[in-house]
N, C-alpha and C. Protein backbone atom coordinates (compact mmCIF):
# COMPACT_ATOMS: atom_id res chain seq x y z
N MET A 1 18.47 23.31 13.88
CA MET A 1 19.72 22.86 13.24
C MET A 1 19.55 21.42 12.93
N SER A 2 20.15 20.19 12.37
CA SER A 2 20.09 19.12 12.27
C SER A 2 19.94 18.19 13.56
N THR A 3 19.27 17.19 13.48
CA THR A 3 19.32 16.30 14.62
C THR A 3 19.94 14.90 14.46
N HIS A 4 20.52 14.87 12.64
CA HIS A 4 21.40 14.00 12.68
C HIS A 4 22.61 13.87 12.37
N PRO A 5 23.30 13.10 13.00
CA PRO A 5 25.21 12.96 13.18
C PRO A 5 25.42 12.87 11.83
N VAL A 6 26.50 13.69 11.45
CA VAL A 6 26.96 13.33 10.22
C VAL A 6 28.53 12.45 10.75
N GLU A 7 28.65 11.31 10.32
CA GLU A 7 29.52 10.37 10.54
C GLU A 7 31.25 10.79 10.41
N VAL A 8 31.83 10.13 11.27
CA VAL A 8 33.39 10.73 10.74
C VAL A 8 34.15 10.12 9.76
N GLY A 9 34.68 11.31 9.47
CA GLY A 9 35.12 10.58 8.17
C GLY A 9 34.41 11.25 6.86
N GLY A 10 33.33 11.94 7.20
CA GLY A 10 32.23 12.48 5.78
C GLY A 10 30.93 11.73 6.12
N PRO A 11 29.91 12.41 5.02
CA PRO A 11 28.87 11.60 4.78
C PRO A 11 28.58 10.15 3.78
N THR A 12 28.00 9.23 4.43
CA THR A 12 28.09 8.36 3.11
C THR A 12 27.04 8.54 2.20
N ARG A 13 27.13 7.92 0.82
CA ARG A 13 26.10 8.07 -0.05
C ARG A 13 24.53 7.61 0.89
N GLN A 14 24.47 6.61 1.57
CA GLN A 14 23.74 6.21 2.37
C GLN A 14 22.94 7.17 3.08
N ARG A 15 23.78 8.07 3.64
CA ARG A 15 23.60 8.83 4.59
C ARG A 15 22.62 9.85 4.08
N LEU A 16 22.89 10.12 2.87
CA LEU A 16 22.62 11.38 2.10
C LEU A 16 20.69 10.63 1.75
N ILE A 17 20.82 9.65 1.34
CA ILE A 17 19.81 8.85 0.50
C ILE A 17 18.71 8.56 2.01
N ASP A 18 19.40 8.55 3.26
CA ASP A 18 18.43 8.59 4.08
C ASP A 18 17.81 9.75 5.06
N VAL A 19 18.64 11.21 4.68
CA VAL A 19 18.15 12.32 4.96
C VAL A 19 17.41 12.83 4.02
N ALA A 20 17.85 12.55 2.48
CA ALA A 20 16.69 12.84 1.53
C ALA A 20 15.29 12.05 1.51
N ILE A 21 15.03 10.83 1.87
CA ILE A 21 13.83 10.26 2.52
C ILE A 21 13.08 10.99 3.23
N GLU A 22 13.64 11.15 4.67
CA GLU A 22 13.26 11.91 5.67
C GLU A 22 12.43 13.19 4.93
N LEU A 23 13.78 14.10 4.75
CA LEU A 23 12.97 15.08 3.82
C LEU A 23 12.07 14.97 2.80
N PHE A 24 11.80 14.38 1.70
CA PHE A 24 10.81 14.02 1.07
C PHE A 24 9.29 13.85 1.67
N LYS A 25 9.57 12.84 2.76
CA LYS A 25 8.54 12.63 3.67
C LYS A 25 7.84 13.93 4.05
N GLN A 26 8.68 15.05 4.36
CA GLN A 26 8.24 16.06 5.19
C GLN A 26 7.82 17.10 3.98
N HIS A 27 8.64 16.94 3.15
CA HIS A 27 7.81 18.20 1.95
C HIS A 27 7.85 17.99 0.93
N SER A 28 7.53 16.24 0.57
CA SER A 28 7.61 16.05 -1.19
C SER A 28 8.82 15.88 -1.41
N VAL A 29 9.04 15.54 -2.97
CA VAL A 29 10.05 15.29 -3.60
C VAL A 29 10.45 17.03 -4.32
N ALA A 30 9.63 17.76 -4.71
CA ALA A 30 9.35 18.76 -5.15
C ALA A 30 9.64 19.85 -4.25
N GLY A 31 9.88 19.64 -3.05
CA GLY A 31 9.49 20.73 -2.14
C GLY A 31 10.88 20.45 -1.48
N THR A 32 11.54 19.39 -1.80
CA THR A 32 12.99 19.19 -0.75
C THR A 32 14.11 19.39 -1.93
N SER A 33 15.13 20.41 -1.78
CA SER A 33 16.38 20.87 -2.33
C SER A 33 17.48 19.93 -2.14
N LEU A 34 18.36 20.30 -2.80
CA LEU A 34 19.71 19.59 -2.33
C LEU A 34 20.12 20.34 -1.35
N GLN A 35 19.96 21.84 -1.43
CA GLN A 35 20.49 22.71 -0.30
C GLN A 35 20.10 22.02 0.98
N MET A 36 18.76 21.98 1.22
CA MET A 36 17.78 21.59 2.38
C MET A 36 18.77 20.37 2.75
N ILE A 37 19.16 19.07 1.99
CA ILE A 37 19.65 18.08 2.52
C ILE A 37 21.10 18.51 2.98
N SER A 38 22.04 19.45 1.93
CA SER A 38 22.88 19.80 3.13
C SER A 38 22.97 20.28 4.08
N ASP A 39 21.81 21.11 4.29
CA ASP A 39 21.88 22.16 5.64
C ASP A 39 21.15 21.02 6.38
N GLU A 40 20.92 19.95 6.60
CA GLU A 40 20.36 18.88 7.33
C GLU A 40 21.58 18.25 7.87
N LEU A 41 22.70 18.17 6.70
CA LEU A 41 23.57 17.38 7.33
C LEU A 41 25.00 18.06 7.35
N GLY A 42 24.91 19.53 7.34
CA GLY A 42 25.51 20.19 7.69
C GLY A 42 26.72 20.43 6.90
N LEU A 43 26.71 19.87 5.59
CA LEU A 43 27.34 20.36 4.34
C LEU A 43 27.47 21.15 3.46
N THR A 44 28.07 21.15 2.90
CA THR A 44 28.11 22.44 1.66
C THR A 44 27.34 21.61 0.50
N LYS A 45 26.95 22.09 -0.76
CA LYS A 45 26.22 22.00 -1.79
C LYS A 45 27.15 20.65 -2.47
N SER A 46 28.40 21.51 -2.52
CA SER A 46 29.52 20.62 -3.31
C SER A 46 29.87 19.21 -2.68
N ALA A 47 29.56 19.25 -1.45
CA ALA A 47 29.77 18.01 -0.74
C ALA A 47 28.59 16.89 -1.55
N ILE A 48 27.57 17.13 -1.22
CA ILE A 48 26.24 16.53 -1.91
C ILE A 48 26.29 16.15 -3.35
N TYR A 49 26.70 17.14 -4.27
CA TYR A 49 27.04 17.43 -5.83
C TYR A 49 28.25 15.88 -6.02
N HIS A 50 29.16 15.60 -5.35
CA HIS A 50 30.18 14.42 -5.23
C HIS A 50 29.29 13.33 -5.12
N HIS A 51 28.13 13.38 -4.66
CA HIS A 51 27.40 12.04 -4.73
C HIS A 51 26.26 11.87 -6.22
N PHE A 52 25.69 13.18 -6.08
CA PHE A 52 24.51 13.14 -6.88
C PHE A 52 24.51 14.74 -7.25
N ARG A 53 24.45 14.80 -8.35
CA ARG A 53 24.72 16.05 -9.25
C ARG A 53 22.87 16.63 -9.31
N THR A 54 22.12 16.06 -9.25
CA THR A 54 20.39 16.25 -8.79
C THR A 54 19.88 15.53 -8.32
N ARG A 55 18.69 16.25 -8.03
CA ARG A 55 17.50 15.89 -7.05
C ARG A 55 16.95 14.42 -7.72
N ASP A 56 16.93 14.37 -9.29
CA ASP A 56 16.12 13.39 -9.62
C ASP A 56 17.16 12.21 -9.47
N GLU A 57 18.85 12.59 -9.40
CA GLU A 57 19.60 11.29 -9.30
C GLU A 57 19.58 11.13 -8.13
N LEU A 58 19.39 11.75 -7.27
CA LEU A 58 18.83 11.30 -5.72
C LEU A 58 17.95 10.47 -5.71
N LEU A 59 16.58 11.16 -6.52
CA LEU A 59 15.71 10.29 -6.18
C LEU A 59 15.56 8.75 -7.10
N THR A 60 16.44 9.21 -7.91
CA THR A 60 16.34 7.74 -8.53
C THR A 60 17.47 6.47 -7.76
N ALA A 61 18.18 7.16 -7.17
CA ALA A 61 19.22 5.98 -6.01
C ALA A 61 17.89 5.82 -4.99
N VAL A 62 17.40 6.24 -4.36
CA VAL A 62 16.29 6.30 -3.44
C VAL A 62 15.09 4.95 -4.25
N MET A 63 14.85 5.45 -5.26
CA MET A 63 14.01 3.92 -5.81
C MET A 63 14.46 2.76 -6.36
N GLU A 64 15.35 2.87 -6.97
CA GLU A 64 16.32 1.83 -7.74
C GLU A 64 15.83 0.48 -6.69
N PRO A 65 16.37 0.69 -5.52
CA PRO A 65 16.03 -0.75 -4.89
C PRO A 65 14.89 -0.77 -4.80
N LEU A 66 13.56 -0.40 -4.60
CA LEU A 66 12.21 -0.91 -4.37
C LEU A 66 11.94 -1.27 -5.88
N ILE A 67 12.28 -0.35 -6.82
CA ILE A 67 11.67 -1.05 -8.15
C ILE A 67 12.05 -2.21 -8.61
N GLY A 68 13.41 -2.80 -8.14
CA GLY A 68 14.33 -3.72 -8.22
C GLY A 68 13.42 -4.96 -7.58
N GLU A 69 13.04 -4.98 -6.29
CA GLU A 69 12.33 -5.79 -5.73
C GLU A 69 10.99 -5.95 -6.40
N VAL A 70 10.34 -5.20 -6.73
CA VAL A 70 8.84 -5.25 -7.13
C VAL A 70 9.00 -5.52 -8.81
N GLY A 71 10.24 -5.50 -9.56
CA GLY A 71 10.49 -6.24 -10.47
C GLY A 71 10.73 -7.35 -10.46
N ALA A 72 11.26 -8.17 -9.53
CA ALA A 72 11.66 -9.67 -8.77
C ALA A 72 10.30 -10.27 -8.35
N LEU A 73 9.28 -9.41 -7.86
CA LEU A 73 8.39 -10.18 -7.22
C LEU A 73 7.34 -9.95 -8.65
N VAL A 74 7.32 -9.41 -9.53
CA VAL A 74 6.82 -9.28 -11.06
C VAL A 74 7.20 -10.82 -11.75
N VAL A 75 8.48 -10.90 -11.66
CA VAL A 75 8.85 -12.13 -12.61
C VAL A 75 8.55 -13.46 -11.83
N ALA A 76 8.69 -13.77 -10.74
CA ALA A 76 8.10 -14.56 -9.57
C ALA A 76 6.71 -14.82 -10.32
N ALA A 77 5.80 -13.78 -9.61
CA ALA A 77 4.50 -14.09 -10.03
C ALA A 77 4.72 -14.33 -11.27
N GLU A 78 4.74 -13.98 -12.39
CA GLU A 78 4.37 -14.47 -13.75
C GLU A 78 4.54 -15.98 -13.95
N LYS A 79 5.51 -16.50 -13.18
CA LYS A 79 5.88 -18.05 -12.99
C LYS A 79 4.60 -19.10 -12.83
N HIS A 80 3.61 -18.50 -11.81
CA HIS A 80 2.53 -19.18 -11.74
C HIS A 80 1.43 -18.96 -12.80
N ARG A 81 0.77 -20.25 -12.21
CA ARG A 81 -0.25 -20.71 -13.54
C ARG A 81 -1.66 -20.11 -13.05
N GLY A 82 -2.24 -19.60 -13.83
CA GLY A 82 -3.33 -18.82 -13.88
C GLY A 82 -3.79 -17.59 -13.35
N PRO A 83 -4.33 -16.52 -13.26
CA PRO A 83 -4.56 -15.42 -13.13
C PRO A 83 -4.77 -14.95 -11.71
N ARG A 84 -5.55 -15.97 -10.88
CA ARG A 84 -5.39 -16.04 -8.89
C ARG A 84 -4.11 -16.27 -8.56
N ALA A 85 -3.53 -16.90 -9.27
CA ALA A 85 -2.39 -17.48 -8.50
C ALA A 85 -1.42 -16.80 -8.76
N ARG A 86 -1.00 -16.17 -10.02
CA ARG A 86 -0.05 -15.00 -10.29
C ARG A 86 -0.38 -13.40 -9.40
N ALA A 87 -1.69 -13.16 -8.95
CA ALA A 87 -1.97 -12.28 -8.72
C ALA A 87 -1.59 -12.19 -7.11
N ASP A 88 -2.09 -13.47 -6.40
CA ASP A 88 -1.87 -13.66 -4.91
C ASP A 88 -0.81 -13.53 -4.63
N HIS A 89 0.20 -14.20 -5.58
CA HIS A 89 1.70 -14.63 -5.33
C HIS A 89 2.27 -12.85 -5.44
N LEU A 90 1.85 -12.01 -6.30
CA LEU A 90 1.96 -10.64 -6.17
C LEU A 90 2.03 -9.90 -5.02
N LEU A 91 0.76 -10.08 -4.89
CA LEU A 91 0.02 -9.47 -3.66
C LEU A 91 0.54 -10.14 -2.46
N GLN A 92 0.92 -10.98 -2.27
CA GLN A 92 1.83 -11.51 -0.82
C GLN A 92 3.11 -10.81 -1.17
N GLY A 93 3.75 -10.34 -2.15
CA GLY A 93 5.07 -9.99 -1.96
C GLY A 93 5.12 -8.43 -1.60
N TYR A 94 4.26 -8.21 -1.96
CA TYR A 94 3.90 -6.22 -2.31
C TYR A 94 3.45 -6.17 -1.11
N ALA A 95 2.71 -6.69 -0.42
CA ALA A 95 2.18 -6.54 1.11
C ALA A 95 3.38 -6.63 1.96
N ALA A 96 4.27 -7.69 1.73
CA ALA A 96 5.50 -7.55 2.29
C ALA A 96 6.47 -6.45 2.16
N LEU A 97 6.53 -6.16 1.09
CA LEU A 97 7.07 -5.30 0.48
C LEU A 97 7.06 -3.75 1.50
N ALA A 98 5.57 -3.75 1.39
CA ALA A 98 5.15 -2.11 1.68
C ALA A 98 4.97 -2.42 3.08
N ALA A 99 4.80 -3.32 3.88
CA ALA A 99 5.03 -3.56 5.59
C ALA A 99 6.59 -3.26 5.95
N ALA A 100 6.93 -3.83 5.41
CA ALA A 100 8.77 -3.70 5.63
C ALA A 100 9.22 -2.37 5.28
N ASN A 101 8.57 -1.52 4.14
CA ASN A 101 9.07 -0.07 3.99
C ASN A 101 8.01 0.85 4.37
N ARG A 102 7.53 1.20 5.10
CA ARG A 102 6.26 1.44 5.27
C ARG A 102 6.18 2.90 5.17
N GLU A 103 7.49 3.57 5.43
CA GLU A 103 7.67 5.08 5.57
C GLU A 103 8.04 5.66 3.84
N LEU A 104 8.38 4.81 3.30
CA LEU A 104 9.20 4.81 1.87
C LEU A 104 8.01 4.40 0.77
N ILE A 105 7.20 3.48 1.03
CA ILE A 105 6.28 3.44 0.01
C ILE A 105 5.45 4.16 -0.26
N PRO A 106 4.99 4.97 0.69
CA PRO A 106 3.51 6.18 -0.05
C PRO A 106 4.11 7.02 -0.97
N LEU A 107 5.51 7.19 -0.66
CA LEU A 107 5.83 8.53 -1.68
C LEU A 107 6.21 7.77 -3.48
N PHE A 108 6.17 7.00 -3.26
CA PHE A 108 5.78 5.85 -4.69
C PHE A 108 4.48 6.20 -5.48
N THR A 109 3.52 6.62 -4.44
CA THR A 109 2.43 6.58 -4.99
C THR A 109 1.85 7.79 -4.91
N GLY A 110 2.10 8.85 -4.08
CA GLY A 110 1.67 10.15 -3.93
C GLY A 110 2.51 11.52 -4.22
N ASP A 111 3.48 10.94 -4.71
CA ASP A 111 4.09 12.70 -5.34
C ASP A 111 4.52 12.34 -6.96
N PRO A 112 4.07 13.62 -7.05
CA PRO A 112 3.88 13.77 -9.03
C PRO A 112 5.52 13.57 -9.31
N SER A 113 6.61 14.00 -8.48
CA SER A 113 7.77 13.98 -9.14
C SER A 113 8.45 12.59 -9.15
N VAL A 114 7.87 11.74 -8.62
CA VAL A 114 7.76 10.56 -8.52
C VAL A 114 7.28 9.26 -9.97
N ALA A 115 5.96 9.86 -9.91
CA ALA A 115 5.11 9.47 -11.54
C ALA A 115 6.11 10.38 -12.51
N ALA A 116 6.64 11.28 -12.23
CA ALA A 116 7.46 11.59 -13.48
C ALA A 116 8.65 11.22 -14.05
N LEU A 117 9.27 10.88 -13.03
CA LEU A 117 10.61 9.69 -13.13
C LEU A 117 10.13 8.45 -13.33
N LEU A 118 8.93 8.19 -12.95
CA LEU A 118 8.79 6.50 -13.54
C LEU A 118 8.46 6.52 -15.16
N GLN A 119 7.82 7.80 -15.70
CA GLN A 119 7.55 7.93 -16.94
C GLN A 119 8.63 7.87 -17.70
N ALA A 120 9.57 8.60 -17.09
CA ALA A 120 10.83 8.85 -17.64
C ALA A 120 11.57 7.60 -18.04
N ARG A 121 11.55 6.87 -17.31
CA ARG A 121 12.54 5.47 -17.20
C ARG A 121 11.40 4.51 -17.95
N PRO A 122 11.58 4.07 -18.90
CA PRO A 122 10.40 3.12 -19.55
C PRO A 122 10.71 1.88 -18.99
N ASP A 123 11.92 1.71 -18.43
CA ASP A 123 11.74 -0.23 -17.71
C ASP A 123 11.12 0.13 -16.36
N TRP A 124 11.36 1.15 -15.85
CA TRP A 124 10.49 1.11 -14.72
C TRP A 124 9.14 0.96 -14.77
N ALA A 125 8.70 1.87 -15.64
CA ALA A 125 7.12 2.43 -16.02
C ALA A 125 6.66 0.57 -16.43
N ALA A 126 7.54 0.01 -17.19
CA ALA A 126 7.04 -1.31 -17.57
C ALA A 126 6.71 -2.31 -16.49
N VAL A 127 7.69 -2.11 -15.42
CA VAL A 127 7.32 -2.96 -14.50
C VAL A 127 6.45 -2.72 -13.50
N VAL A 128 6.04 -1.47 -13.39
CA VAL A 128 4.57 -1.00 -13.05
C VAL A 128 3.62 -1.34 -13.49
N GLU A 129 3.43 -1.30 -14.90
CA GLU A 129 2.54 -1.89 -15.66
C GLU A 129 2.38 -3.34 -16.10
N ARG A 130 3.21 -3.99 -15.67
CA ARG A 130 3.45 -5.54 -15.78
C ARG A 130 2.62 -5.80 -14.35
N GLN A 131 2.69 -5.07 -13.37
CA GLN A 131 2.20 -5.40 -11.92
C GLN A 131 0.67 -5.35 -11.84
N MET A 132 0.13 -3.87 -12.51
CA MET A 132 -0.97 -3.79 -12.56
C MET A 132 -1.75 -4.88 -13.65
N MET A 133 -1.06 -5.20 -14.52
CA MET A 133 -1.84 -6.19 -15.61
C MET A 133 -1.73 -7.49 -14.76
N LEU A 134 -0.92 -7.94 -13.79
CA LEU A 134 -0.93 -9.24 -13.31
C LEU A 134 -2.23 -8.88 -12.21
N LEU A 135 -2.75 -7.90 -11.45
CA LEU A 135 -3.31 -8.13 -10.77
C LEU A 135 -4.83 -7.56 -11.27
N ALA A 136 -5.06 -7.00 -12.41
CA ALA A 136 -6.26 -6.92 -13.47
C ALA A 136 -6.26 -8.03 -14.01
N ALA A 137 -5.98 -9.02 -14.13
CA ALA A 137 -6.35 -10.17 -14.89
C ALA A 137 -7.09 -11.28 -14.18
N VAL A 138 -7.25 -10.59 -12.69
CA VAL A 138 -8.47 -11.53 -12.04
C VAL A 138 -9.41 -11.29 -12.68
N GLU A 139 -9.80 -9.85 -12.81
CA GLU A 139 -11.41 -9.62 -13.44
C GLU A 139 -10.82 -8.79 -14.67
N PRO A 140 -11.19 -9.50 -15.85
CA PRO A 140 -10.48 -8.71 -16.98
C PRO A 140 -11.86 -7.73 -17.36
N GLY A 141 -11.20 -6.68 -17.97
CA GLY A 141 -11.94 -5.19 -18.15
C GLY A 141 -11.66 -4.24 -17.23
N LEU A 142 -12.55 -3.06 -17.43
CA LEU A 142 -12.46 -1.72 -16.47
C LEU A 142 -12.51 -2.10 -14.98
N GLY A 143 -13.35 -3.35 -14.47
CA GLY A 143 -13.67 -3.52 -13.00
C GLY A 143 -12.05 -4.05 -12.54
N GLY A 144 -11.47 -5.22 -13.22
CA GLY A 144 -10.37 -5.52 -12.76
C GLY A 144 -9.19 -4.57 -12.55
N GLN A 145 -9.12 -3.68 -13.84
CA GLN A 145 -8.20 -2.26 -13.53
C GLN A 145 -8.29 -1.34 -12.24
N VAL A 146 -9.36 -1.14 -12.53
CA VAL A 146 -9.98 -0.56 -10.79
C VAL A 146 -9.49 -0.93 -9.74
N LYS A 147 -9.85 -2.40 -9.90
CA LYS A 147 -9.64 -2.99 -8.65
C LYS A 147 -8.07 -3.09 -8.52
N ALA A 148 -7.28 -3.45 -9.55
CA ALA A 148 -6.05 -3.76 -9.11
C ALA A 148 -5.28 -2.26 -8.72
N THR A 149 -5.81 -1.08 -9.46
CA THR A 149 -5.33 0.30 -8.98
C THR A 149 -5.44 0.84 -7.56
N LEU A 150 -7.16 0.04 -6.99
CA LEU A 150 -7.20 0.13 -5.61
C LEU A 150 -6.30 -0.68 -4.63
N VAL A 151 -6.02 -1.46 -4.89
CA VAL A 151 -5.24 -2.64 -4.32
C VAL A 151 -3.31 -1.50 -4.04
N MET A 152 -3.16 -1.69 -5.20
CA MET A 152 -1.58 -0.87 -5.28
C MET A 152 -1.84 0.13 -4.78
N SER A 153 -2.63 1.38 -5.18
CA SER A 153 -2.34 2.63 -4.13
C SER A 153 -3.08 2.30 -2.68
N GLY A 154 -3.97 1.59 -2.46
CA GLY A 154 -4.32 0.94 -0.80
C GLY A 154 -3.28 0.61 -0.15
N ILE A 155 -2.80 -0.22 -0.57
CA ILE A 155 -1.46 -0.83 0.08
C ILE A 155 -0.25 0.50 0.59
N ALA A 156 -0.24 1.06 -0.70
CA ALA A 156 0.73 1.87 -0.36
C ALA A 156 0.38 3.34 0.52
N SER A 157 -0.83 3.28 0.45
CA SER A 157 -1.06 4.45 1.32
C SER A 157 -1.30 3.97 2.65
N ALA A 158 -2.01 2.78 3.19
CA ALA A 158 -2.29 2.15 4.36
C ALA A 158 -0.85 1.64 5.09
N ALA A 159 0.07 1.95 4.18
CA ALA A 159 1.14 1.27 4.84
C ALA A 159 2.02 2.48 5.60
N GLY A 160 1.74 3.41 4.83
CA GLY A 160 2.47 4.80 5.40
C GLY A 160 1.71 5.16 6.83
N VAL A 161 0.70 5.13 6.84
CA VAL A 161 -0.04 5.15 8.58
C VAL A 161 0.55 5.09 9.38
N ASP A 162 0.40 5.77 10.69
CA ASP A 162 1.07 5.20 12.05
C ASP A 162 -0.09 4.85 12.83
N TYR A 163 0.40 3.23 12.98
CA TYR A 163 -0.53 2.29 13.43
C TYR A 163 -0.54 2.07 15.14
N GLY A 164 0.85 2.81 15.61
CA GLY A 164 1.29 2.77 16.76
C GLY A 164 2.27 1.62 16.90
N ASP A 165 2.18 0.44 17.46
CA ASP A 165 3.18 -0.33 17.73
C ASP A 165 2.63 -1.24 17.17
N VAL A 166 2.07 -1.37 16.11
CA VAL A 166 1.82 -2.49 15.16
C VAL A 166 3.14 -2.92 14.37
N ASP A 167 3.20 -4.36 14.55
CA ASP A 167 4.64 -5.00 13.83
C ASP A 167 4.50 -5.03 12.40
N GLU A 168 5.65 -5.43 11.82
CA GLU A 168 5.49 -5.62 10.53
C GLU A 168 4.62 -6.50 9.94
N ALA A 169 5.11 -8.13 10.62
CA ALA A 169 3.93 -9.23 10.40
C ALA A 169 2.39 -8.72 10.65
N THR A 170 1.92 -7.82 11.47
CA THR A 170 0.77 -7.98 11.76
C THR A 170 0.49 -7.21 10.62
N LEU A 171 1.08 -6.23 10.05
CA LEU A 171 0.25 -4.97 8.94
C LEU A 171 0.47 -5.89 7.68
N ARG A 172 1.28 -6.67 7.33
CA ARG A 172 1.65 -7.19 6.21
C ARG A 172 0.36 -8.19 6.06
N ASP A 173 0.27 -8.63 7.16
CA ASP A 173 -0.80 -9.88 6.98
C ASP A 173 -2.43 -8.98 6.85
N GLN A 174 -2.70 -7.92 7.40
CA GLN A 174 -3.76 -6.81 7.30
C GLN A 174 -3.87 -6.32 5.88
N LEU A 175 -2.51 -5.80 5.21
CA LEU A 175 -2.60 -5.26 4.08
C LEU A 175 -3.01 -6.65 2.62
N LEU A 176 -2.40 -7.60 3.12
CA LEU A 176 -2.93 -8.86 2.22
C LEU A 176 -4.11 -9.15 2.20
N ALA A 177 -4.90 -9.14 3.32
CA ALA A 177 -6.26 -9.94 3.54
C ALA A 177 -7.07 -8.70 2.87
N ALA A 178 -6.77 -7.03 3.14
CA ALA A 178 -7.72 -6.31 2.51
C ALA A 178 -7.32 -6.17 0.53
N GLY A 179 -6.30 -6.67 0.34
CA GLY A 179 -6.02 -6.79 -1.06
C GLY A 179 -6.74 -7.85 -1.38
N ARG A 180 -6.52 -9.07 -0.71
CA ARG A 180 -7.43 -10.48 -1.49
C ARG A 180 -8.98 -9.69 -1.45
N ARG A 181 -9.65 -9.43 -0.43
CA ARG A 181 -10.88 -9.14 -0.86
C ARG A 181 -10.85 -8.25 -1.70
N THR A 182 -10.43 -7.26 -1.94
CA THR A 182 -10.11 -6.43 -3.00
C THR A 182 -10.44 -6.74 -4.38
N LEU A 183 -9.59 -8.00 -4.42
CA LEU A 183 -9.59 -8.61 -6.05
C LEU A 183 -10.58 -9.92 -5.94
N GLY A 184 -11.02 -9.98 -4.76
CA GLY A 184 -11.68 -11.28 -4.83
C GLY A 184 -11.28 -12.52 -4.68
N LEU A 185 -10.57 -12.36 -3.89
CA LEU A 185 -9.02 -13.64 -4.10
C LEU A 185 -9.79 -14.09 -2.35
N ARG A 186 -9.26 -15.51 -2.47
CA ARG A 186 -9.63 -16.10 -1.14
C ARG A 186 -8.73 -15.82 -0.04
N VAL A 187 -9.57 -15.26 1.29
CA VAL A 187 -8.62 -14.85 2.15
C VAL A 187 -8.47 -16.11 3.19
N ARG A 188 -7.21 -16.23 3.43
CA ARG A 188 -6.78 -17.07 4.29
C ARG A 188 -6.43 -16.88 5.72
């Protein structure tokens, strides 16, 4: 049975999102049904439908805040002069975001349902493309594209590993240093 208490007065939208994230991590997005979420919370599916009609609507609610943060990082990075400064600024922000969201970030790179949703949302796909272009610009050509992909997927994957009692700041610093080495940026 559920290990998640239901709030007095009924579940909130955020509680549904939190439980969905836990189930997405355990079973993937495609492997998680709205019925599983309602069972975990001890609710009927109609209670879930009050907030989210489909799993894609729920996934959108999970992803939207992070995509917004990545978009803000991209905009801030684009204001810097030169490809190295832009890439480093973006890398600092992405490493911090990944370290702060270490259980959620890996979902964005490893789940086919997330990739499909990104493709269905041109505005989100554009954010990811701009992010990759900023990192790849450090080394024009295929080599830069490969390194940018390694950095983005590597940070996302590495952030999701259980390192025991490693704190957020230490993880952020290690992710940033690894990203800088991969892109050929100065490690500070």
